[in-house]
Protein backbone atom coordinates (compact mmCIF):
# COMPACT_ATOMS: atom_id res chain seq x y z
CA MET A 1 -0.20 -19.53 21.43
CA MET A 2 -3.47 -19.75 19.56
CA THR A 3 -4.36 -23.14 18.04
CA SER A 4 -5.34 -23.68 14.41
CA THR A 5 -8.85 -24.61 15.55
CA GLU A 6 -9.19 -21.33 17.46
CA LEU A 7 -7.85 -19.34 14.51
CA ALA A 8 -10.26 -21.10 12.14
CA GLY A 9 -13.19 -20.27 14.39
CA ARG A 10 -12.19 -16.60 14.60
CA LEU A 11 -11.66 -16.41 10.84
CA SER A 12 -15.03 -17.99 10.04
CA GLU A 13 -16.87 -15.69 12.44
CA LEU A 14 -15.37 -12.59 10.86
CA ALA A 15 -16.01 -13.87 7.33
CA GLU A 16 -19.69 -14.28 8.16
CA LYS A 17 -19.87 -10.93 9.93
CA PHE A 18 -18.37 -9.00 7.01
CA SER A 19 -19.82 -11.10 4.13
CA VAL A 20 -16.38 -12.25 2.99
CA THR A 21 -16.38 -15.02 0.39
CA GLY A 22 -13.11 -16.67 1.39
CA ALA A 23 -10.10 -16.02 3.59
CA SER A 24 -6.83 -17.52 4.79
CA ALA A 25 -4.70 -16.64 7.80
CA ALA A 26 -1.48 -17.84 9.39
CA LEU A 27 0.52 -16.98 12.51
CA TRP A 28 4.14 -18.00 13.13
CA HIS A 29 5.63 -17.42 16.57
CA ASP A 30 8.89 -18.76 17.96
CA GLY A 31 9.06 -21.65 15.52
CA ALA A 32 5.38 -22.72 15.71
CA LEU A 33 2.91 -22.18 12.87
CA VAL A 34 -0.89 -22.13 13.05
CA ARG A 35 -2.96 -21.74 9.91
CA ALA A 36 -6.63 -21.59 8.97
CA GLU A 37 -8.86 -21.20 5.93
CA THR A 38 -12.54 -20.54 5.39
CA GLY A 39 -15.03 -20.10 2.58
CA THR A 40 -14.83 -20.24 -1.17
CA ALA A 41 -12.11 -19.27 -3.63
CA ASN A 42 -14.60 -18.60 -6.45
CA VAL A 43 -18.38 -18.44 -6.04
CA VAL A 44 -18.89 -19.48 -9.66
CA THR A 45 -16.98 -22.76 -9.35
CA GLY A 46 -17.61 -23.32 -5.65
CA ALA A 47 -13.96 -24.28 -5.14
CA PRO A 48 -13.02 -24.10 -1.44
CA VAL A 49 -10.18 -22.06 -0.03
CA ARG A 50 -7.30 -24.44 0.70
CA ALA A 51 -4.05 -23.96 2.59
CA ASP A 52 -2.25 -23.54 -0.75
CA THR A 53 -4.85 -21.26 -2.39
CA LEU A 54 -3.22 -18.22 -3.98
CA PHE A 55 -4.61 -14.75 -3.19
CA ALA A 56 -3.56 -11.36 -4.51
CA ALA A 57 -0.70 -9.91 -2.49
CA GLY A 58 -1.78 -6.39 -3.43
CA SER A 59 0.52 -3.66 -2.15
CA ILE A 60 2.41 -6.07 0.08
CA THR A 61 4.23 -6.61 -3.22
CA LYS A 62 5.97 -3.29 -2.54
CA VAL A 63 7.92 -4.93 0.29
CA PHE A 64 8.88 -7.77 -2.10
CA THR A 65 10.04 -5.20 -4.68
CA SER A 66 11.98 -3.29 -2.02
CA SER A 67 13.60 -6.50 -0.78
CA LEU A 68 14.51 -7.45 -4.35
CA ALA A 69 16.14 -4.05 -4.89
CA MET A 70 17.97 -4.32 -1.56
CA THR A 71 19.67 -7.49 -2.79
CA LEU A 72 21.25 -5.25 -5.43
CA VAL A 73 22.24 -2.72 -2.76
CA ASP A 74 23.90 -5.55 -0.83
CA GLU A 75 25.87 -6.52 -3.94
CA GLY A 76 27.02 -2.94 -4.55
CA LEU A 77 25.06 -2.70 -7.79
CA LEU A 78 22.59 -0.07 -6.56
CA ASP A 79 23.34 3.08 -4.53
CA LEU A 80 20.42 4.28 -2.41
CA ASP A 81 21.53 7.91 -2.57
CA ALA A 82 22.32 8.04 -6.29
CA PRO A 83 19.90 9.92 -8.56
CA VAL A 84 17.55 7.65 -10.46
CA ARG A 85 19.02 9.11 -13.67
CA THR A 86 22.31 7.39 -12.79
CA TYR A 87 20.65 4.12 -13.84
CA LEU A 88 17.89 5.46 -16.09
CA PRO A 89 19.50 8.31 -18.10
CA ASP A 90 16.23 9.11 -19.89
CA PHE A 91 14.20 9.31 -16.68
CA THR A 92 12.27 12.61 -16.64
CA SER A 93 8.90 14.21 -16.00
CA ALA A 94 6.83 17.26 -16.91
CA THR A 95 8.85 19.02 -14.18
CA PRO A 96 12.38 17.78 -15.06
CA GLU A 97 14.14 19.96 -12.50
CA ARG A 98 12.30 17.93 -9.84
CA SER A 99 12.62 14.47 -11.37
CA ASP A 100 16.37 15.07 -11.80
CA ALA A 101 16.58 15.34 -7.99
CA ILE A 102 14.83 12.03 -7.24
CA THR A 103 17.14 9.48 -5.65
CA VAL A 104 16.76 5.72 -5.37
CA ARG A 105 16.08 6.01 -1.62
CA MET A 106 13.08 8.27 -2.33
CA LEU A 107 11.46 5.48 -4.35
CA PHE A 108 11.69 3.16 -1.34
CA THR A 109 10.37 5.75 1.13
CA HIS A 110 7.53 7.16 -1.02
CA SER A 111 9.02 10.64 -0.93
CA SER A 112 9.78 11.07 -4.66
CA GLY A 113 6.65 13.05 -5.52
CA LEU A 114 5.89 10.67 -8.40
CA ALA A 115 2.25 9.86 -9.14
CA ALA A 116 0.33 8.04 -6.42
CA ASN A 117 -2.35 6.30 -8.48
CA HIS A 118 -1.52 6.76 -12.14
CA LEU A 119 -3.49 3.98 -13.84
CA PRO A 120 -2.85 3.91 -17.60
CA ASP A 121 -3.58 0.13 -17.76
CA LEU A 122 -0.93 -0.37 -20.45
CA PRO A 123 -1.03 -3.46 -22.69
CA PRO A 124 1.03 -6.28 -21.15
CA GLY A 125 4.47 -7.12 -22.52
CA ASP A 126 8.08 -7.62 -21.53
CA ASP A 127 8.70 -3.88 -21.98
CA VAL A 128 5.73 -2.63 -19.95
CA LEU A 129 7.87 -0.97 -17.26
CA GLU A 130 9.98 0.71 -19.91
CA ARG A 131 6.76 2.05 -21.45
CA LEU A 132 5.63 3.21 -18.01
CA MET A 133 8.75 5.40 -17.82
CA GLY A 134 7.66 7.08 -21.05
CA ASP A 135 4.22 7.62 -19.59
CA LEU A 136 5.61 9.17 -16.40
CA ALA A 137 7.63 11.61 -18.50
CA THR A 138 4.37 13.44 -19.26
CA LEU A 139 3.33 13.83 -15.60
CA PRO A 140 4.51 16.39 -13.03
CA VAL A 141 6.34 15.62 -9.81
CA THR A 142 4.35 16.93 -6.82
CA GLY A 143 6.31 18.96 -4.27
CA VAL A 144 10.04 18.89 -3.58
CA PRO A 145 11.47 15.34 -3.86
CA GLY A 146 12.67 13.92 -0.57
CA GLU A 147 10.84 16.36 1.70
CA ARG A 148 7.52 14.61 2.34
CA TRP A 149 5.94 11.18 2.29
CA CYS A 150 3.47 10.59 -0.53
CA TYR A 151 2.45 7.01 -1.32
CA SER A 152 3.46 6.31 -4.91
CA ASN A 153 2.69 3.31 -7.08
CA ALA A 154 4.61 5.01 -9.88
CA GLY A 155 7.67 5.27 -7.65
CA MET A 156 7.58 1.53 -7.01
CA GLY A 157 7.16 0.90 -10.75
CA THR A 158 10.27 3.00 -11.30
CA LEU A 159 12.15 0.90 -8.74
CA GLY A 160 11.04 -2.20 -10.65
CA ARG A 161 12.44 -0.71 -13.83
CA LEU A 162 15.76 -0.02 -12.08
CA VAL A 163 15.92 -3.71 -11.18
CA GLU A 164 15.40 -4.64 -14.83
CA VAL A 165 18.16 -2.35 -16.10
CA ILE A 166 20.68 -3.48 -13.48
CA THR A 167 19.99 -7.23 -13.67
CA GLY A 168 19.23 -7.44 -17.39
CA GLU A 169 16.09 -9.46 -16.50
CA ARG A 170 12.42 -8.65 -16.58
CA TYR A 171 11.12 -7.60 -13.19
CA ASP A 172 9.07 -10.80 -12.81
CA ALA A 173 12.08 -12.98 -13.63
CA ALA A 174 14.35 -11.12 -11.20
CA LEU A 175 11.72 -11.37 -8.45
CA ARG A 176 11.44 -15.08 -9.04
CA SER A 177 15.18 -15.81 -9.12
CA ARG A 178 16.20 -13.55 -6.23
CA VAL A 179 13.24 -13.81 -3.82
CA LEU A 180 10.44 -16.26 -4.63
CA GLU A 181 12.53 -19.34 -5.49
CA PRO A 182 15.25 -18.92 -2.82
CA LEU A 183 12.50 -18.68 -0.19
CA GLY A 184 10.58 -21.62 -1.67
CA LEU A 185 7.36 -19.61 -1.90
CA ASN A 186 4.08 -20.79 -3.37
CA ALA A 187 3.79 -17.51 -5.24
CA THR A 188 3.70 -16.34 -8.83
CA PRO A 189 3.18 -13.20 -10.93
CA ASP A 190 2.45 -15.42 -13.98
CA ALA A 191 -1.20 -15.61 -15.09
CA GLU A 192 -0.68 -18.99 -16.76
CA GLU A 193 0.60 -20.46 -13.50
CA LEU A 194 -2.50 -19.18 -11.73
CA LEU A 195 -4.58 -21.40 -14.01
CA LEU A 196 -2.66 -24.46 -12.82
CA ARG A 197 -3.09 -23.84 -9.10
CA SER A 198 -5.84 -23.23 -6.57
CA THR A 199 -6.44 -19.53 -7.17
CA ALA A 200 -8.80 -17.14 -5.42
CA VAL A 201 -10.61 -14.49 -7.43
CA GLY A 202 -11.84 -11.17 -6.08
CA HIS A 203 -15.52 -10.65 -5.30
CA VAL A 204 -17.90 -7.72 -5.10
CA VAL A 205 -20.47 -7.91 -2.32
CA ASP A 206 -23.84 -6.15 -2.41
CA PRO A 207 -24.99 -6.13 1.24
CA VAL A 208 -28.41 -4.72 0.31
CA ALA A 209 -29.25 -7.36 -2.27
CA GLY A 210 -27.30 -10.02 -0.41
CA THR A 211 -25.43 -11.04 -3.56
CA THR A 212 -21.79 -11.84 -4.23
CA SER A 213 -20.22 -11.91 -7.69
CA PRO A 214 -16.68 -12.21 -9.08
CA VAL A 215 -14.93 -9.05 -10.20
CA ALA A 216 -15.01 -8.18 -13.88
CA ARG A 217 -11.24 -8.68 -14.30
CA LEU A 218 -8.88 -10.86 -12.32
CA ARG A 219 -5.85 -8.54 -12.63
CA LEU A 220 -5.41 -4.88 -13.54
CA GLY A 221 -2.57 -2.68 -14.74
CA PRO A 222 0.50 -4.74 -15.71
CA GLU A 223 2.63 -1.60 -15.37
CA ASN A 224 1.84 -1.66 -11.65
CA GLY A 225 3.28 -5.16 -11.15
CA PRO A 226 6.09 -3.96 -8.82
CA ALA A 227 3.50 -1.96 -6.86
CA GLY A 228 0.98 -4.77 -6.39
CA SER A 229 -1.13 -5.70 -9.40
CA ARG A 230 0.38 -9.05 -10.41
CA LEU A 231 1.69 -11.14 -7.51
CA TRP A 232 -0.46 -13.98 -6.11
CA LEU A 233 0.59 -16.11 -3.11
CA ASP A 234 -0.70 -18.13 -0.17
CA ALA A 235 -0.58 -17.35 3.54
CA ASP A 236 2.42 -19.63 4.11
CA ALA A 237 4.39 -17.69 1.49
CA LEU A 238 3.71 -14.46 3.38
CA ILE A 239 4.86 -16.08 6.62
CA ARG A 240 8.09 -17.34 5.04
CA PHE A 241 8.76 -13.91 3.52
CA GLY A 242 8.04 -12.17 6.82
CA ARG A 243 10.40 -14.55 8.64
CA THR A 244 13.17 -13.53 6.26
CA HIS A 245 12.88 -10.01 7.65
CA LEU A 246 13.71 -11.20 11.13
CA ASP A 247 17.38 -11.77 10.29
CA GLY A 248 17.70 -11.75 6.48
CA THR A 249 17.82 -15.52 5.98
CA ALA A 250 15.49 -18.03 4.33
CA PRO A 251 13.94 -20.82 6.44
CA ASP A 252 16.71 -23.16 5.22
CA GLY A 253 19.40 -20.75 6.46
CA ARG A 254 20.33 -19.30 3.08
CA ARG A 255 21.09 -15.56 3.35
CA ILE A 256 18.79 -13.36 1.26
CA LEU A 257 19.49 -9.93 2.77
CA SER A 258 22.36 -8.64 4.87
CA PRO A 259 21.61 -7.78 8.51
CA GLU A 260 22.35 -4.16 7.59
CA ALA A 261 19.72 -4.21 4.83
CA VAL A 262 17.11 -5.76 7.14
CA GLU A 263 17.76 -3.11 9.79
CA LEU A 264 17.72 -0.24 7.31
CA MET A 265 14.42 -1.32 5.75
CA ARG A 266 12.65 -1.09 9.11
CA THR A 267 14.26 2.15 10.32
CA PRO A 268 11.74 5.05 10.49
CA GLN A 269 12.51 7.70 7.88
CA PHE A 270 10.24 10.64 8.74
CA ASP A 271 10.02 13.14 11.60
CA ASP A 272 6.44 14.20 10.82
CA TYR A 273 4.16 11.50 9.47
CA TRP A 274 0.77 12.85 10.62
CA GLY A 275 -2.09 12.64 8.13
CA CYS A 276 -0.49 10.02 5.89
CA LEU A 277 -1.91 6.48 6.22
CA PRO A 278 -4.06 5.85 9.32
CA LEU A 279 -2.75 2.31 9.90
CA TYR A 280 0.86 3.41 10.41
CA VAL A 281 2.97 5.76 12.51
CA ASN A 282 5.98 6.02 10.18
CA TRP A 283 7.68 4.48 7.14
CA GLY A 284 10.95 2.70 6.48
CA LEU A 285 12.39 1.47 3.17
CA GLY A 286 9.45 -0.49 1.79
CA TRP A 287 8.04 -1.38 5.22
CA ALA A 288 5.39 0.60 7.04
CA ILE A 289 5.95 1.12 10.77
CA VAL A 290 2.94 -0.07 12.77
CA GLN A 291 4.44 0.68 16.18
CA GLU A 292 7.62 2.39 17.37
CA GLY A 293 8.24 2.92 21.08
CA PRO A 294 9.74 0.11 23.16
CA GLU A 295 8.97 -2.56 20.57
CA LEU A 296 9.11 -2.14 16.80
CA VAL A 297 6.31 -3.61 14.67
CA ILE A 298 6.46 -3.45 10.87
CA GLY A 299 3.90 -4.37 8.25
CA HIS A 300 2.16 -3.63 4.98
CA ALA A 301 -1.45 -3.97 3.86
CA GLY A 302 -2.66 -4.57 0.33
CA ALA A 303 -5.78 -4.18 -1.79
CA ASN A 304 -6.33 -5.51 -5.27
CA ASN A 305 -9.31 -6.13 -7.51
CA GLY A 306 -11.86 -7.30 -4.90
CA MET A 307 -9.16 -8.58 -2.49
CA HIS A 308 -7.42 -7.48 0.71
CA SER A 309 -4.28 -8.59 2.52
CA ASN A 310 -2.02 -7.76 5.45
CA LEU A 311 1.41 -8.83 6.68
CA VAL A 312 2.75 -7.89 10.12
CA VAL A 313 6.19 -8.72 11.54
CA LEU A 314 7.23 -8.39 15.19
CA PRO A 315 11.04 -8.76 15.04
CA GLU A 316 11.67 -8.89 18.81
CA ARG A 317 8.92 -11.46 19.39
CA LYS A 318 9.97 -13.53 16.36
CA ALA A 319 6.36 -13.46 15.18
CA VAL A 320 4.72 -13.04 11.76
CA LEU A 321 1.00 -12.64 11.04
CA ALA A 322 -0.56 -12.94 7.56
CA VAL A 323 -4.19 -12.55 6.47
CA LEU A 324 -5.69 -12.79 2.97
CA ALA A 325 -9.31 -12.26 1.86
CA ASN A 326 -11.02 -12.35 -1.54
CA SER A 327 -13.89 -9.90 -1.17
CA GLN A 328 -14.12 -6.14 -1.42
CA THR A 329 -15.39 -6.24 2.19
CA GLY A 330 -12.31 -8.24 3.19
CA GLY A 331 -10.53 -5.15 4.43
CA GLN A 332 -12.81 -5.15 7.48
CA LEU A 333 -12.00 -8.80 8.21
CA VAL A 334 -8.27 -8.28 7.75
CA SER A 335 -8.20 -5.18 9.97
CA ALA A 336 -10.32 -6.75 12.71
CA LEU A 337 -8.41 -10.03 12.86
CA CYS A 338 -4.99 -8.35 12.88
CA ALA A 339 -6.00 -5.82 15.54
CA ASP A 340 -7.49 -8.55 17.75
CA LEU A 341 -4.57 -10.97 17.50
CA LEU A 342 -1.87 -8.33 17.87
CA GLY A 343 -3.60 -6.97 20.96
CA GLU A 344 -4.49 -10.29 22.58
CA LEU A 345 -1.27 -12.18 21.92
CA PHE A 346 1.38 -9.46 21.90
CA GLY A 347 -0.11 -6.39 23.55
CA VAL A 348 0.30 -4.35 20.37
CA ARG A 349 -2.27 -1.63 19.79
CA VAL A 350 -2.72 -0.56 16.19
CA PRO A 351 -2.78 3.23 15.73
CA GLU A 352 -6.09 4.91 16.49
CA PRO A 353 -7.68 6.60 13.47
CA VAL A 354 -7.77 10.38 13.40
CA ALA A 355 -10.91 11.67 15.14
CA ALA A 356 -12.82 14.93 14.99
CA PRO A 357 -12.22 17.25 17.98
CA GLU A 358 -14.98 17.93 20.49
CA SER A 359 -14.83 21.57 19.46
CA ALA A 360 -13.25 22.95 16.31
CA VAL A 361 -10.09 25.07 16.55
CA GLU A 362 -10.62 28.57 15.22
CA VAL A 363 -8.71 29.36 12.03
CA VAL A 364 -8.83 32.08 9.37
CA PRO A 365 -10.13 30.08 6.38
CA GLU A 366 -9.22 32.21 3.36
CA PRO A 367 -5.47 31.38 3.12
CA PHE A 368 -6.29 27.69 2.63
CA ALA A 369 -8.77 28.22 -0.21
CA GLY A 370 -7.72 27.41 -3.76
CA ARG A 371 -7.23 24.63 -6.29
CA TYR A 372 -4.59 21.94 -5.83
CA ALA A 373 -3.63 19.32 -8.43
CA SER A 374 -1.74 16.06 -8.86
CA PRO A 375 -1.87 13.20 -11.40
CA ASP A 376 -4.66 11.73 -9.21
CA GLY A 377 -6.95 14.70 -9.94
CA GLU A 378 -7.75 17.96 -8.16
CA VAL A 379 -8.67 19.20 -4.71
CA VAL A 380 -10.84 22.30 -4.48
CA VAL A 381 -10.88 24.11 -1.13
CA ASP A 382 -13.34 26.97 -0.68
CA VAL A 383 -15.20 28.87 2.00
CA ARG A 384 -18.95 28.33 2.38
CA ASP A 385 -20.94 30.08 5.10
CA GLY A 386 -17.69 30.90 6.86
CA ARG A 387 -16.48 27.26 6.88
CA LEU A 388 -13.81 25.57 4.83
CA HIS A 389 -14.99 22.81 2.49
CA LEU A 390 -12.92 20.39 0.43
CA GLU A 391 -13.93 18.63 -2.78
CA LEU A 392 -11.81 15.80 -4.19
CA ILE A 393 -12.16 15.44 -7.97
CA ARG A 394 -10.57 12.18 -9.10
CA THR A 395 -9.45 11.40 -12.63
CA PRO A 396 -11.84 9.25 -14.74
CA ALA A 397 -9.25 6.43 -14.72
CA LEU A 398 -9.11 6.44 -10.93
CA VAL A 399 -12.92 6.45 -10.64
CA ALA A 400 -13.10 3.50 -13.06
CA TRP A 401 -10.47 1.62 -11.04
CA GLU A 402 -12.38 2.24 -7.80
CA ARG A 403 -15.53 0.83 -9.40
CA LEU A 404 -13.64 -2.30 -10.47
CA MET A 405 -12.50 -2.56 -6.84
CA GLY A 406 -16.15 -2.61 -5.76
CA SER A 407 -16.50 1.04 -4.75
CA PRO A 408 -19.60 2.82 -6.09
CA GLY A 409 -17.39 5.52 -7.60
CA GLU A 410 -19.79 8.27 -6.56
CA ASP A 411 -19.59 11.82 -7.85
CA SER A 412 -17.38 14.16 -5.86
CA GLN A 413 -18.91 16.54 -3.34
CA ALA A 414 -17.66 19.36 -1.15
CA LEU A 415 -17.37 18.26 2.49
CA PRO A 416 -16.67 20.34 5.63
CA LEU A 417 -13.16 20.69 7.04
CA VAL A 418 -12.64 20.96 10.81
CA CYS A 419 -9.35 22.31 12.14
CA VAL A 420 -7.65 20.26 14.88
CA ASP A 421 -4.31 22.12 15.02
CA ALA A 422 -4.05 25.63 13.57
CA GLU A 423 -0.29 26.00 14.06
CA ARG A 424 0.49 22.83 12.10
CA ARG A 425 -2.46 23.33 9.70
CA ARG A 426 -4.06 19.98 10.49
CA PHE A 427 -7.72 19.31 9.70
CA VAL A 428 -10.18 16.47 9.49
CA LEU A 429 -12.61 16.10 6.61
CA GLU A 430 -16.14 15.13 7.66
CA LEU A 431 -17.16 12.23 5.42
CA GLY A 432 -20.88 12.26 6.18
CA ALA A 433 -21.30 9.14 8.31
CA PRO A 434 -21.26 9.69 12.09
CA GLY A 435 -17.67 9.90 13.32
CA ALA A 436 -16.23 9.19 9.86
CA VAL A 437 -13.39 11.58 9.08
CA ALA A 438 -10.18 11.66 7.05
CA ALA A 439 -6.95 13.48 7.88
CA VAL A 440 -6.05 16.54 5.81
CA GLN A 441 -2.93 18.66 6.24
CA PHE A 442 -1.87 21.87 4.50
CA LEU A 443 1.89 22.17 3.97
CA ALA A 444 4.75 24.30 2.65
CA PRO A 445 3.53 27.89 3.08
CA GLY A 446 4.70 30.25 0.35
CA PRO A 447 5.97 33.84 0.68
CA ASP A 448 2.39 35.04 1.16
CA GLY A 449 1.79 32.55 3.96
CA ARG A 450 -0.65 30.46 1.96
CA PRO A 451 0.06 26.70 1.87
CA THR A 452 1.35 25.42 -1.47
CA LEU A 453 0.51 21.75 -0.81
CA VAL A 454 -2.36 19.81 0.71
CA ARG A 455 -2.26 16.16 1.72
CA ALA A 456 -5.68 14.61 1.26
CA GLY A 457 -4.83 10.95 0.84
CA THR A 458 -2.00 11.98 -1.46
CA LEU A 459 -0.21 15.29 -2.09
CA TYR A 460 -1.78 17.95 -4.27
CA GLU A 461 0.00 21.20 -5.25
CA ARG A 462 -1.61 24.63 -5.46
CA ILE A 463 -2.32 25.82 -9.00
CA ALA A 464 -3.32 29.24 -10.30
């Protein structure tokens, strides 16, 4: 077992290597906990990162939301296979015949077809999730619900709204009463409480100028609270939450989830998961599957405004790993530390990213060409000099959000596609830097043989 001193040294080295302002990490294994912190919570105040410093949970919140909803399943108040309209009669979309078919389970598994990154940034208020439902009514559902994985913040917001309707409480209140308080977590979605505690803020790092500055806004998008925009916690809170998913009980023995719910949440749900998220090999109900095979490993990463996070649970080893960082470059620290510790201590190898083939597979390019759309924007696929190229055109709201996250938000450009599997219509998109590629897959061929969907980060559907 690694000592706290060894973990602190590793954490500090990676923070320096990747220009990360502050970070916190913890590892629990067979009843023993090691924990370490490094750096600064806020470069303006100079406050140090402490063991109880709160960081943004980011999309790890989705596992909290899923666990919260599973408490209702355990109580018989929520049916996974019931249509969402059973609980939200007014639930609809710009393609109502599709939204009518969305079930509760599809919200958990990211297979609903609801918007991936719809970012209206609605004014805060107790009714913000109810207003989000009205907003989603104007957007289309992409693809056939239930058929394919497509990461969806809007789907998790809808699950949060279901919790509100069933419990009669605001999402934040239900999360607090059913998960945060029973587990005794140093965690809060309340901005006023953040002012009273040691709280990390996100930072943007300019490696060229060598400068670090706080992000322009601490928190974004209140409507995305159930998906990851509002919850702040410390590393110990992540460890305690992860431990609950070993057997469904809190550290004091109180039962939070039934054994059946715990097992179901980590059961792989998809036969074909290629080209989805590079960190994972499959998806459960809320949890991502990091490794299947002889030993199951589950987890979830998160990114918020200038922050990164990761939580990994090894049920058979009774081990939980949590890492939090408060810089836009923190994703590199989080990935490196998790990969190193999982490999060194447990022999777990994180999935290898998709790579370009040594020689491209021959494919007739014309059937893939066309325009594809989703609420995230458009994908344009065309043929240039005999080669397929793909251009991703994001919505202005998504570009603005990426800039707040520290990304330059550069203009879109057409990049070459290289086929790796013609039969299954799998490609990699060359991103410009040596060896840098992204997975792209064309799906659901129509009567003319042309694909009707393309997955390029999220799903986009062919338009005229």
